[in-house]
Amino acid sequence: TLTLNRPERMNTISRPMLARLAALL
């Protein structure tokens, strides 16, 4: 289970989020 974890920003994307999401996939 991969969970986007920026709830205070409605999980809007950032560069660190994109890099980590790709790596975890």
mmCIF file of all heavy atoms, coordinates in Angstrom:
data_MODEL
# 
_entry.id   MODEL 
# 
loop_
_atom_site.group_PDB 
_atom_site.id 
_atom_site.type_symbol 
_atom_site.label_atom_id 
_atom_site.label_alt_id 
_atom_site.label_comp_id 
_atom_site.label_asym_id 
_atom_site.label_entity_id 
_atom_site.label_seq_id 
_atom_site.pdbx_PDB_ins_code 
_atom_site.Cartn_x 
_atom_site.Cartn_y 
_atom_site.Cartn_z 
_atom_site.occupancy 
_atom_site.B_iso_or_equiv 
_atom_site.pdbx_formal_charge 
_atom_site.auth_seq_id 
_atom_site.auth_comp_id 
_atom_site.auth_asym_id 
_atom_site.auth_atom_id 
_atom_site.pdbx_PDB_model_num 
ATOM 1   N N   . THR A 1 1  ? 0.851  -1.193 0.000   1.00 0.00 ? 1  THR A N   1 
ATOM 2   C CA  . THR A 1 1  ? 0.000  0.000  0.000   1.00 0.00 ? 1  THR A CA  1 
ATOM 3   C C   . THR A 1 1  ? 0.882  1.237  0.000   1.00 0.00 ? 1  THR A C   1 
ATOM 4   O O   . THR A 1 1  ? 1.692  1.427  0.907   1.00 0.00 ? 1  THR A O   1 
ATOM 5   C CB  . THR A 1 1  ? -0.930 0.015  1.223   1.00 0.00 ? 1  THR A CB  1 
ATOM 6   O OG1 . THR A 1 1  ? -1.736 -1.169 1.219   1.00 0.00 ? 1  THR A OG1 1 
ATOM 7   C CG2 . THR A 1 1  ? -1.840 1.240  1.197   1.00 0.00 ? 1  THR A CG2 1 
ATOM 8   N N   . LEU A 1 2  ? 0.734  2.061  -1.031  1.00 0.00 ? 2  LEU A N   1 
ATOM 9   C CA  . LEU A 1 2  ? 1.456  3.326  -1.134  1.00 0.00 ? 2  LEU A CA  1 
ATOM 10  C C   . LEU A 1 2  ? 0.454  4.448  -0.885  1.00 0.00 ? 2  LEU A C   1 
ATOM 11  O O   . LEU A 1 2  ? -0.578 4.523  -1.561  1.00 0.00 ? 2  LEU A O   1 
ATOM 12  C CB  . LEU A 1 2  ? 2.081  3.489  -2.520  1.00 0.00 ? 2  LEU A CB  1 
ATOM 13  C CG  . LEU A 1 2  ? 3.389  2.741  -2.805  1.00 0.00 ? 2  LEU A CG  1 
ATOM 14  C CD1 . LEU A 1 2  ? 3.177  1.236  -2.794  1.00 0.00 ? 2  LEU A CD1 1 
ATOM 15  C CD2 . LEU A 1 2  ? 3.968  3.167  -4.149  1.00 0.00 ? 2  LEU A CD2 1 
ATOM 16  N N   . THR A 1 3  ? 0.760  5.297  0.091   1.00 0.00 ? 3  THR A N   1 
ATOM 17  C CA  . THR A 1 3  ? -0.175 6.341  0.510   1.00 0.00 ? 3  THR A CA  1 
ATOM 18  C C   . THR A 1 3  ? 0.441  7.716  0.328   1.00 0.00 ? 3  THR A C   1 
ATOM 19  O O   . THR A 1 3  ? 1.471  8.034  0.931   1.00 0.00 ? 3  THR A O   1 
ATOM 20  C CB  . THR A 1 3  ? -0.569 6.146  1.989   1.00 0.00 ? 3  THR A CB  1 
ATOM 21  O OG1 . THR A 1 3  ? -1.066 4.819  2.192   1.00 0.00 ? 3  THR A OG1 1 
ATOM 22  C CG2 . THR A 1 3  ? -1.646 7.162  2.384   1.00 0.00 ? 3  THR A CG2 1 
ATOM 23  N N   . LEU A 1 4  ? -0.167 8.535  -0.522  1.00 0.00 ? 4  LEU A N   1 
ATOM 24  C CA  . LEU A 1 4  ? 0.265  9.926  -0.660  1.00 0.00 ? 4  LEU A CA  1 
ATOM 25  C C   . LEU A 1 4  ? 0.014  10.636 0.661   1.00 0.00 ? 4  LEU A C   1 
ATOM 26  O O   . LEU A 1 4  ? -1.089 10.587 1.210   1.00 0.00 ? 4  LEU A O   1 
ATOM 27  C CB  . LEU A 1 4  ? -0.489 10.606 -1.799  1.00 0.00 ? 4  LEU A CB  1 
ATOM 28  C CG  . LEU A 1 4  ? -0.418 9.912  -3.162  1.00 0.00 ? 4  LEU A CG  1 
ATOM 29  C CD1 . LEU A 1 4  ? -1.165 10.728 -4.222  1.00 0.00 ? 4  LEU A CD1 1 
ATOM 30  C CD2 . LEU A 1 4  ? 1.023  9.671  -3.594  1.00 0.00 ? 4  LEU A CD2 1 
ATOM 31  N N   . ASN A 1 5  ? 1.035  11.329 1.171   1.00 0.00 ? 5  ASN A N   1 
ATOM 32  C CA  . ASN A 1 5  ? 0.991  11.783 2.560   1.00 0.00 ? 5  ASN A CA  1 
ATOM 33  C C   . ASN A 1 5  ? 1.289  13.280 2.697   1.00 0.00 ? 5  ASN A C   1 
ATOM 34  O O   . ASN A 1 5  ? 2.182  13.692 3.410   1.00 0.00 ? 5  ASN A O   1 
ATOM 35  C CB  . ASN A 1 5  ? 1.998  10.956 3.394   1.00 0.00 ? 5  ASN A CB  1 
ATOM 36  C CG  . ASN A 1 5  ? 1.897  11.237 4.883   1.00 0.00 ? 5  ASN A CG  1 
ATOM 37  O OD1 . ASN A 1 5  ? 0.810  11.451 5.409   1.00 0.00 ? 5  ASN A OD1 1 
ATOM 38  N ND2 . ASN A 1 5  ? 3.034  11.240 5.563   1.00 0.00 ? 5  ASN A ND2 1 
ATOM 39  N N   . ARG A 1 6  ? 0.475  14.093 1.985   1.00 0.00 ? 6  ARG A N   1 
ATOM 40  C CA  . ARG A 1 6  ? 0.491  15.539 2.205   1.00 0.00 ? 6  ARG A CA  1 
ATOM 41  C C   . ARG A 1 6  ? -0.951 15.989 2.466   1.00 0.00 ? 6  ARG A C   1 
ATOM 42  O O   . ARG A 1 6  ? -1.500 16.833 1.729   1.00 0.00 ? 6  ARG A O   1 
ATOM 43  C CB  . ARG A 1 6  ? 1.062  16.293 1.000   1.00 0.00 ? 6  ARG A CB  1 
ATOM 44  C CG  . ARG A 1 6  ? 2.483  16.000 0.642   1.00 0.00 ? 6  ARG A CG  1 
ATOM 45  C CD  . ARG A 1 6  ? 2.934  16.897 -0.511  1.00 0.00 ? 6  ARG A CD  1 
ATOM 46  N NE  . ARG A 1 6  ? 3.405  18.207 -0.043  1.00 0.00 ? 6  ARG A NE  1 
ATOM 47  C CZ  . ARG A 1 6  ? 3.398  19.307 -0.793  1.00 0.00 ? 6  ARG A CZ  1 
ATOM 48  N NH1 . ARG A 1 6  ? 2.906  19.288 -2.016  1.00 0.00 ? 6  ARG A NH1 1 
ATOM 49  N NH2 . ARG A 1 6  ? 3.848  20.448 -0.304  1.00 0.00 ? 6  ARG A NH2 1 
ATOM 50  N N   . PRO A 1 7  ? -1.598 15.449 3.473   1.00 0.00 ? 7  PRO A N   1 
ATOM 51  C CA  . PRO A 1 7  ? -3.027 15.727 3.656   1.00 0.00 ? 7  PRO A CA  1 
ATOM 52  C C   . PRO A 1 7  ? -3.336 17.202 3.869   1.00 0.00 ? 7  PRO A C   1 
ATOM 53  O O   . PRO A 1 7  ? -4.407 17.675 3.470   1.00 0.00 ? 7  PRO A O   1 
ATOM 54  C CB  . PRO A 1 7  ? -3.397 14.893 4.884   1.00 0.00 ? 7  PRO A CB  1 
ATOM 55  C CG  . PRO A 1 7  ? -2.107 14.677 5.616   1.00 0.00 ? 7  PRO A CG  1 
ATOM 56  C CD  . PRO A 1 7  ? -1.070 14.575 4.544   1.00 0.00 ? 7  PRO A CD  1 
ATOM 57  N N   . GLU A 1 8  ? -2.403 17.932 4.465   1.00 0.00 ? 8  GLU A N   1 
ATOM 58  C CA  . GLU A 1 8  ? -2.635 19.360 4.708   1.00 0.00 ? 8  GLU A CA  1 
ATOM 59  C C   . GLU A 1 8  ? -2.639 20.154 3.404   1.00 0.00 ? 8  GLU A C   1 
ATOM 60  O O   . GLU A 1 8  ? -3.148 21.278 3.353   1.00 0.00 ? 8  GLU A O   1 
ATOM 61  C CB  . GLU A 1 8  ? -1.563 19.907 5.663   1.00 0.00 ? 8  GLU A CB  1 
ATOM 62  C CG  . GLU A 1 8  ? -0.181 20.098 5.072   1.00 0.00 ? 8  GLU A CG  1 
ATOM 63  C CD  . GLU A 1 8  ? 0.591  18.800 4.857   1.00 0.00 ? 8  GLU A CD  1 
ATOM 64  O OE1 . GLU A 1 8  ? 0.080  17.729 5.271   1.00 0.00 ? 8  GLU A OE1 1 
ATOM 65  O OE2 . GLU A 1 8  ? 1.699  18.849 4.292   1.00 0.00 ? 8  GLU A OE2 1 
ATOM 66  N N   . ARG A 1 9  ? -2.079 19.570 2.334   1.00 0.00 ? 9  ARG A N   1 
ATOM 67  C CA  . ARG A 1 9  ? -2.062 20.194 1.009   1.00 0.00 ? 9  ARG A CA  1 
ATOM 68  C C   . ARG A 1 9  ? -2.924 19.405 0.019   1.00 0.00 ? 9  ARG A C   1 
ATOM 69  O O   . ARG A 1 9  ? -2.750 19.522 -1.178  1.00 0.00 ? 9  ARG A O   1 
ATOM 70  C CB  . ARG A 1 9  ? -0.639 20.291 0.477   1.00 0.00 ? 9  ARG A CB  1 
ATOM 71  C CG  . ARG A 1 9  ? 0.309  21.194 1.282   1.00 0.00 ? 9  ARG A CG  1 
ATOM 72  C CD  . ARG A 1 9  ? -0.001 22.661 1.073   1.00 0.00 ? 9  ARG A CD  1 
ATOM 73  N NE  . ARG A 1 9  ? 1.007  23.541 1.646   1.00 0.00 ? 9  ARG A NE  1 
ATOM 74  C CZ  . ARG A 1 9  ? 2.019  24.071 0.969   1.00 0.00 ? 9  ARG A CZ  1 
ATOM 75  N NH1 . ARG A 1 9  ? 2.183  23.789 -0.304  1.00 0.00 ? 9  ARG A NH1 1 
ATOM 76  N NH2 . ARG A 1 9  ? 2.884  24.863 1.567   1.00 0.00 ? 9  ARG A NH2 1 
ATOM 77  N N   . MET A 1 10 ? -3.837 18.587 0.523   1.00 0.00 ? 10 MET A N   1 
ATOM 78  C CA  . MET A 1 10 ? -4.707 17.736 -0.302  1.00 0.00 ? 10 MET A CA  1 
ATOM 79  C C   . MET A 1 10 ? -3.892 16.851 -1.239  1.00 0.00 ? 10 MET A C   1 
ATOM 80  O O   . MET A 1 10 ? -4.293 16.536 -2.355  1.00 0.00 ? 10 MET A O   1 
ATOM 81  C CB  . MET A 1 10 ? -5.716 18.591 -1.087  1.00 0.00 ? 10 MET A CB  1 
ATOM 82  C CG  . MET A 1 10 ? -6.679 19.358 -0.186  1.00 0.00 ? 10 MET A CG  1 
ATOM 83  S SD  . MET A 1 10 ? -7.891 20.315 -1.110  1.00 0.00 ? 10 MET A SD  1 
ATOM 84  C CE  . MET A 1 10 ? -8.907 19.021 -1.825  1.00 0.00 ? 10 MET A CE  1 
ATOM 85  N N   . ASN A 1 11 ? -2.708 16.451 -0.740  1.00 0.00 ? 11 ASN A N   1 
ATOM 86  C CA  . ASN A 1 11 ? -1.808 15.550 -1.468  1.00 0.00 ? 11 ASN A CA  1 
ATOM 87  C C   . ASN A 1 11 ? -1.401 16.095 -2.834  1.00 0.00 ? 11 ASN A C   1 
ATOM 88  O O   . ASN A 1 11 ? -1.171 15.330 -3.786  1.00 0.00 ? 11 ASN A O   1 
ATOM 89  C CB  . ASN A 1 11 ? -2.420 14.151 -1.607  1.00 0.00 ? 11 ASN A CB  1 
ATOM 90  C CG  . ASN A 1 11 ? -2.606 13.477 -0.267  1.00 0.00 ? 11 ASN A CG  1 
ATOM 91  O OD1 . ASN A 1 11 ? -1.753 13.596 0.618   1.00 0.00 ? 11 ASN A OD1 1 
ATOM 92  N ND2 . ASN A 1 11 ? -3.734 12.810 -0.074  1.00 0.00 ? 11 ASN A ND2 1 
ATOM 93  N N   . THR A 1 12 ? -1.331 17.434 -2.935  1.00 0.00 ? 12 THR A N   1 
ATOM 94  C CA  . THR A 1 12 ? -0.811 18.025 -4.162  1.00 0.00 ? 12 THR A CA  1 
ATOM 95  C C   . THR A 1 12 ? 0.654  17.631 -4.326  1.00 0.00 ? 12 THR A C   1 
ATOM 96  O O   . THR A 1 12 ? 1.359  17.352 -3.362  1.00 0.00 ? 12 THR A O   1 
ATOM 97  C CB  . THR A 1 12 ? -0.940 19.559 -4.125  1.00 0.00 ? 12 THR A CB  1 
ATOM 98  O OG1 . THR A 1 12 ? -0.426 20.052 -2.867  1.00 0.00 ? 12 THR A OG1 1 
ATOM 99  C CG2 . THR A 1 12 ? -2.386 19.985 -4.288  1.00 0.00 ? 12 THR A CG2 1 
ATOM 100 N N   . ILE A 1 13 ? 1.097  17.610 -5.573  1.00 0.00 ? 13 ILE A N   1 
ATOM 101 C CA  . ILE A 1 13 ? 2.399  17.015 -5.860  1.00 0.00 ? 13 ILE A CA  1 
ATOM 102 C C   . ILE A 1 13 ? 3.543  17.990 -5.589  1.00 0.00 ? 13 ILE A C   1 
ATOM 103 O O   . ILE A 1 13 ? 3.414  19.194 -5.730  1.00 0.00 ? 13 ILE A O   1 
ATOM 104 C CB  . ILE A 1 13 ? 2.469  16.527 -7.322  1.00 0.00 ? 13 ILE A CB  1 
ATOM 105 C CG1 . ILE A 1 13 ? 2.267  17.677 -8.299  1.00 0.00 ? 13 ILE A CG1 1 
ATOM 106 C CG2 . ILE A 1 13 ? 1.463  15.423 -7.568  1.00 0.00 ? 13 ILE A CG2 1 
ATOM 107 C CD1 . ILE A 1 13 ? 2.537  17.307 -9.746  1.00 0.00 ? 13 ILE A CD1 1 
ATOM 108 N N   . SER A 1 14 ? 4.657  17.407 -5.187  1.00 0.00 ? 14 SER A N   1 
ATOM 109 C CA  . SER A 1 14 ? 5.913  18.132 -5.031  1.00 0.00 ? 14 SER A CA  1 
ATOM 110 C C   . SER A 1 14 ? 6.997  17.290 -5.688  1.00 0.00 ? 14 SER A C   1 
ATOM 111 O O   . SER A 1 14 ? 6.795  16.106 -5.969  1.00 0.00 ? 14 SER A O   1 
ATOM 112 C CB  . SER A 1 14 ? 6.247  18.340 -3.548  1.00 0.00 ? 14 SER A CB  1 
ATOM 113 O OG  . SER A 1 14 ? 6.527  17.088 -2.932  1.00 0.00 ? 14 SER A OG  1 
ATOM 114 N N   . ARG A 1 15 ? 8.147  17.864 -5.913  1.00 0.00 ? 15 ARG A N   1 
ATOM 115 C CA  . ARG A 1 15 ? 9.239  17.089 -6.499  1.00 0.00 ? 15 ARG A CA  1 
ATOM 116 C C   . ARG A 1 15 ? 9.647  15.906 -5.620  1.00 0.00 ? 15 ARG A C   1 
ATOM 117 O O   . ARG A 1 15 ? 9.830  14.797 -6.133  1.00 0.00 ? 15 ARG A O   1 
ATOM 118 C CB  . ARG A 1 15 ? 10.441 18.001 -6.780  1.00 0.00 ? 15 ARG A CB  1 
ATOM 119 C CG  . ARG A 1 15 ? 10.231 18.937 -7.964  1.00 0.00 ? 15 ARG A CG  1 
ATOM 120 C CD  . ARG A 1 15 ? 11.535 19.599 -8.373  1.00 0.00 ? 15 ARG A CD  1 
ATOM 121 N NE  . ARG A 1 15 ? 11.331 20.500 -9.511  1.00 0.00 ? 15 ARG A NE  1 
ATOM 122 C CZ  . ARG A 1 15 ? 10.967 21.755 -9.423  1.00 0.00 ? 15 ARG A CZ  1 
ATOM 123 N NH1 . ARG A 1 15 ? 10.753 22.308 -8.232  1.00 0.00 ? 15 ARG A NH1 1 
ATOM 124 N NH2 . ARG A 1 15 ? 10.805 22.494 -10.496 1.00 0.00 ? 15 ARG A NH2 1 
ATOM 125 N N   . PRO A 1 16 ? 9.804  16.097 -4.295  1.00 0.00 ? 16 PRO A N   1 
ATOM 126 C CA  . PRO A 1 16 ? 10.139 14.934 -3.463  1.00 0.00 ? 16 PRO A CA  1 
ATOM 127 C C   . PRO A 1 16 ? 9.066  13.841 -3.520  1.00 0.00 ? 16 PRO A C   1 
ATOM 128 O O   . PRO A 1 16 ? 9.392  12.652 -3.514  1.00 0.00 ? 16 PRO A O   1 
ATOM 129 C CB  . PRO A 1 16 ? 10.254 15.536 -2.055  1.00 0.00 ? 16 PRO A CB  1 
ATOM 130 C CG  . PRO A 1 16 ? 10.584 16.963 -2.278  1.00 0.00 ? 16 PRO A CG  1 
ATOM 131 C CD  . PRO A 1 16 ? 9.847  17.353 -3.512  1.00 0.00 ? 16 PRO A CD  1 
ATOM 132 N N   . MET A 1 17 ? 7.786  14.244 -3.568  1.00 0.00 ? 17 MET A N   1 
ATOM 133 C CA  . MET A 1 17 ? 6.721  13.246 -3.651  1.00 0.00 ? 17 MET A CA  1 
ATOM 134 C C   . MET A 1 17 ? 6.842  12.428 -4.936  1.00 0.00 ? 17 MET A C   1 
ATOM 135 O O   . MET A 1 17 ? 6.738  11.199 -4.914  1.00 0.00 ? 17 MET A O   1 
ATOM 136 C CB  . MET A 1 17 ? 5.340  13.904 -3.603  1.00 0.00 ? 17 MET A CB  1 
ATOM 137 C CG  . MET A 1 17 ? 4.192  12.920 -3.825  1.00 0.00 ? 17 MET A CG  1 
ATOM 138 S SD  . MET A 1 17 ? 2.575  13.709 -3.995  1.00 0.00 ? 17 MET A SD  1 
ATOM 139 C CE  . MET A 1 17 ? 2.156  13.952 -2.272  1.00 0.00 ? 17 MET A CE  1 
ATOM 140 N N   . LEU A 1 18 ? 7.066  13.097 -6.079  1.00 0.00 ? 18 LEU A N   1 
ATOM 141 C CA  . LEU A 1 18 ? 7.158  12.385 -7.344  1.00 0.00 ? 18 LEU A CA  1 
ATOM 142 C C   . LEU A 1 18 ? 8.339  11.424 -7.353  1.00 0.00 ? 18 LEU A C   1 
ATOM 143 O O   . LEU A 1 18 ? 8.220  10.283 -7.812  1.00 0.00 ? 18 LEU A O   1 
ATOM 144 C CB  . LEU A 1 18 ? 7.291  13.384 -8.499  1.00 0.00 ? 18 LEU A CB  1 
ATOM 145 C CG  . LEU A 1 18 ? 6.085  14.274 -8.791  1.00 0.00 ? 18 LEU A CG  1 
ATOM 146 C CD1 . LEU A 1 18 ? 6.340  15.122 -10.017 1.00 0.00 ? 18 LEU A CD1 1 
ATOM 147 C CD2 . LEU A 1 18 ? 4.824  13.444 -8.968  1.00 0.00 ? 18 LEU A CD2 1 
ATOM 148 N N   . ALA A 1 19 ? 9.478  11.870 -6.857  1.00 0.00 ? 19 ALA A N   1 
ATOM 149 C CA  . ALA A 1 19 ? 10.669 11.019 -6.838  1.00 0.00 ? 19 ALA A CA  1 
ATOM 150 C C   . ALA A 1 19 ? 10.451 9.798  -5.947  1.00 0.00 ? 19 ALA A C   1 
ATOM 151 O O   . ALA A 1 19 ? 10.803 8.670  -6.307  1.00 0.00 ? 19 ALA A O   1 
ATOM 152 C CB  . ALA A 1 19 ? 11.882 11.817 -6.363  1.00 0.00 ? 19 ALA A CB  1 
ATOM 153 N N   . ARG A 1 20 ? 9.854  10.030 -4.781  1.00 0.00 ? 20 ARG A N   1 
ATOM 154 C CA  . ARG A 1 20 ? 9.639  8.917  -3.857  1.00 0.00 ? 20 ARG A CA  1 
ATOM 155 C C   . ARG A 1 20 ? 8.567  7.960  -4.386  1.00 0.00 ? 20 ARG A C   1 
ATOM 156 O O   . ARG A 1 20 ? 8.690  6.735  -4.249  1.00 0.00 ? 20 ARG A O   1 
ATOM 157 C CB  . ARG A 1 20 ? 9.244  9.454  -2.478  1.00 0.00 ? 20 ARG A CB  1 
ATOM 158 C CG  . ARG A 1 20 ? 9.027  8.340  -1.449  1.00 0.00 ? 20 ARG A CG  1 
ATOM 159 C CD  . ARG A 1 20 ? 9.042  8.876  -0.044  1.00 0.00 ? 20 ARG A CD  1 
ATOM 160 N NE  . ARG A 1 20 ? 8.605  7.869  0.907   1.00 0.00 ? 20 ARG A NE  1 
ATOM 161 C CZ  . ARG A 1 20 ? 9.373  6.902  1.398   1.00 0.00 ? 20 ARG A CZ  1 
ATOM 162 N NH1 . ARG A 1 20 ? 10.639 6.805  0.994   1.00 0.00 ? 20 ARG A NH1 1 
ATOM 163 N NH2 . ARG A 1 20 ? 8.903  6.024  2.258   1.00 0.00 ? 20 ARG A NH2 1 
ATOM 164 N N   . LEU A 1 21 ? 7.514  8.493  -4.988  1.00 0.00 ? 21 LEU A N   1 
ATOM 165 C CA  . LEU A 1 21 ? 6.470  7.630  -5.535  1.00 0.00 ? 21 LEU A CA  1 
ATOM 166 C C   . LEU A 1 21 ? 7.035  6.716  -6.606  1.00 0.00 ? 21 LEU A C   1 
ATOM 167 O O   . LEU A 1 21 ? 6.766  5.501  -6.615  1.00 0.00 ? 21 LEU A O   1 
ATOM 168 C CB  . LEU A 1 21 ? 5.336  8.486  -6.112  1.00 0.00 ? 21 LEU A CB  1 
ATOM 169 C CG  . LEU A 1 21 ? 4.191  7.722  -6.787  1.00 0.00 ? 21 LEU A CG  1 
ATOM 170 C CD1 . LEU A 1 21 ? 3.546  6.743  -5.819  1.00 0.00 ? 21 LEU A CD1 1 
ATOM 171 C CD2 . LEU A 1 21 ? 3.154  8.694  -7.339  1.00 0.00 ? 21 LEU A CD2 1 
ATOM 172 N N   . ALA A 1 22 ? 7.830  7.260  -7.519  1.00 0.00 ? 22 ALA A N   1 
ATOM 173 C CA  . ALA A 1 22 ? 8.437  6.437  -8.564  1.00 0.00 ? 22 ALA A CA  1 
ATOM 174 C C   . ALA A 1 22 ? 9.333  5.366  -7.955  1.00 0.00 ? 22 ALA A C   1 
ATOM 175 O O   . ALA A 1 22 ? 9.286  4.192  -8.352  1.00 0.00 ? 22 ALA A O   1 
ATOM 176 C CB  . ALA A 1 22 ? 9.220  7.308  -9.538  1.00 0.00 ? 22 ALA A CB  1 
ATOM 177 N N   . ALA A 1 23 ? 10.157 5.760  -6.970  1.00 0.00 ? 23 ALA A N   1 
ATOM 178 C CA  . ALA A 1 23 ? 11.076 4.802  -6.340  1.00 0.00 ? 23 ALA A CA  1 
ATOM 179 C C   . ALA A 1 23 ? 10.318 3.684  -5.634  1.00 0.00 ? 23 ALA A C   1 
ATOM 180 O O   . ALA A 1 23 ? 10.719 2.509  -5.688  1.00 0.00 ? 23 ALA A O   1 
ATOM 181 C CB  . ALA A 1 23 ? 11.989 5.532  -5.362  1.00 0.00 ? 23 ALA A CB  1 
ATOM 182 N N   . LEU A 1 24 ? 9.218  4.020  -4.959  1.00 0.00 ? 24 LEU A N   1 
ATOM 183 C CA  . LEU A 1 24 ? 8.455  3.007  -4.229  1.00 0.00 ? 24 LEU A CA  1 
ATOM 184 C C   . LEU A 1 24 ? 7.676  2.097  -5.175  1.00 0.00 ? 24 LEU A C   1 
ATOM 185 O O   . LEU A 1 24 ? 7.498  0.902  -4.891  1.00 0.00 ? 24 LEU A O   1 
ATOM 186 C CB  . LEU A 1 24 ? 7.514  3.676  -3.228  1.00 0.00 ? 24 LEU A CB  1 
ATOM 187 C CG  . LEU A 1 24 ? 8.198  4.344  -2.036  1.00 0.00 ? 24 LEU A CG  1 
ATOM 188 C CD1 . LEU A 1 24 ? 7.167  5.028  -1.144  1.00 0.00 ? 24 LEU A CD1 1 
ATOM 189 C CD2 . LEU A 1 24 ? 9.016  3.342  -1.232  1.00 0.00 ? 24 LEU A CD2 1 
ATOM 190 N N   . LEU A 1 25 ? 7.202  2.625  -6.283  1.00 0.00 ? 25 LEU A N   1 
ATOM 191 C CA  . LEU A 1 25 ? 6.548  1.772  -7.277  1.00 0.00 ? 25 LEU A CA  1 
ATOM 192 C C   . LEU A 1 25 ? 7.529  0.750  -7.827  1.00 0.00 ? 25 LEU A C   1 
ATOM 193 O O   . LEU A 1 25 ? 7.199  -0.441 -7.975  1.00 0.00 ? 25 LEU A O   1 
ATOM 194 C CB  . LEU A 1 25 ? 5.972  2.624  -8.404  1.00 0.00 ? 25 LEU A CB  1 
ATOM 195 C CG  . LEU A 1 25 ? 4.729  3.444  -8.061  1.00 0.00 ? 25 LEU A CG  1 
ATOM 196 C CD1 . LEU A 1 25 ? 4.417  4.436  -9.189  1.00 0.00 ? 25 LEU A CD1 1 
ATOM 197 C CD2 . LEU A 1 25 ? 3.517  2.557  -7.797  1.00 0.00 ? 25 LEU A CD2 1 
# 
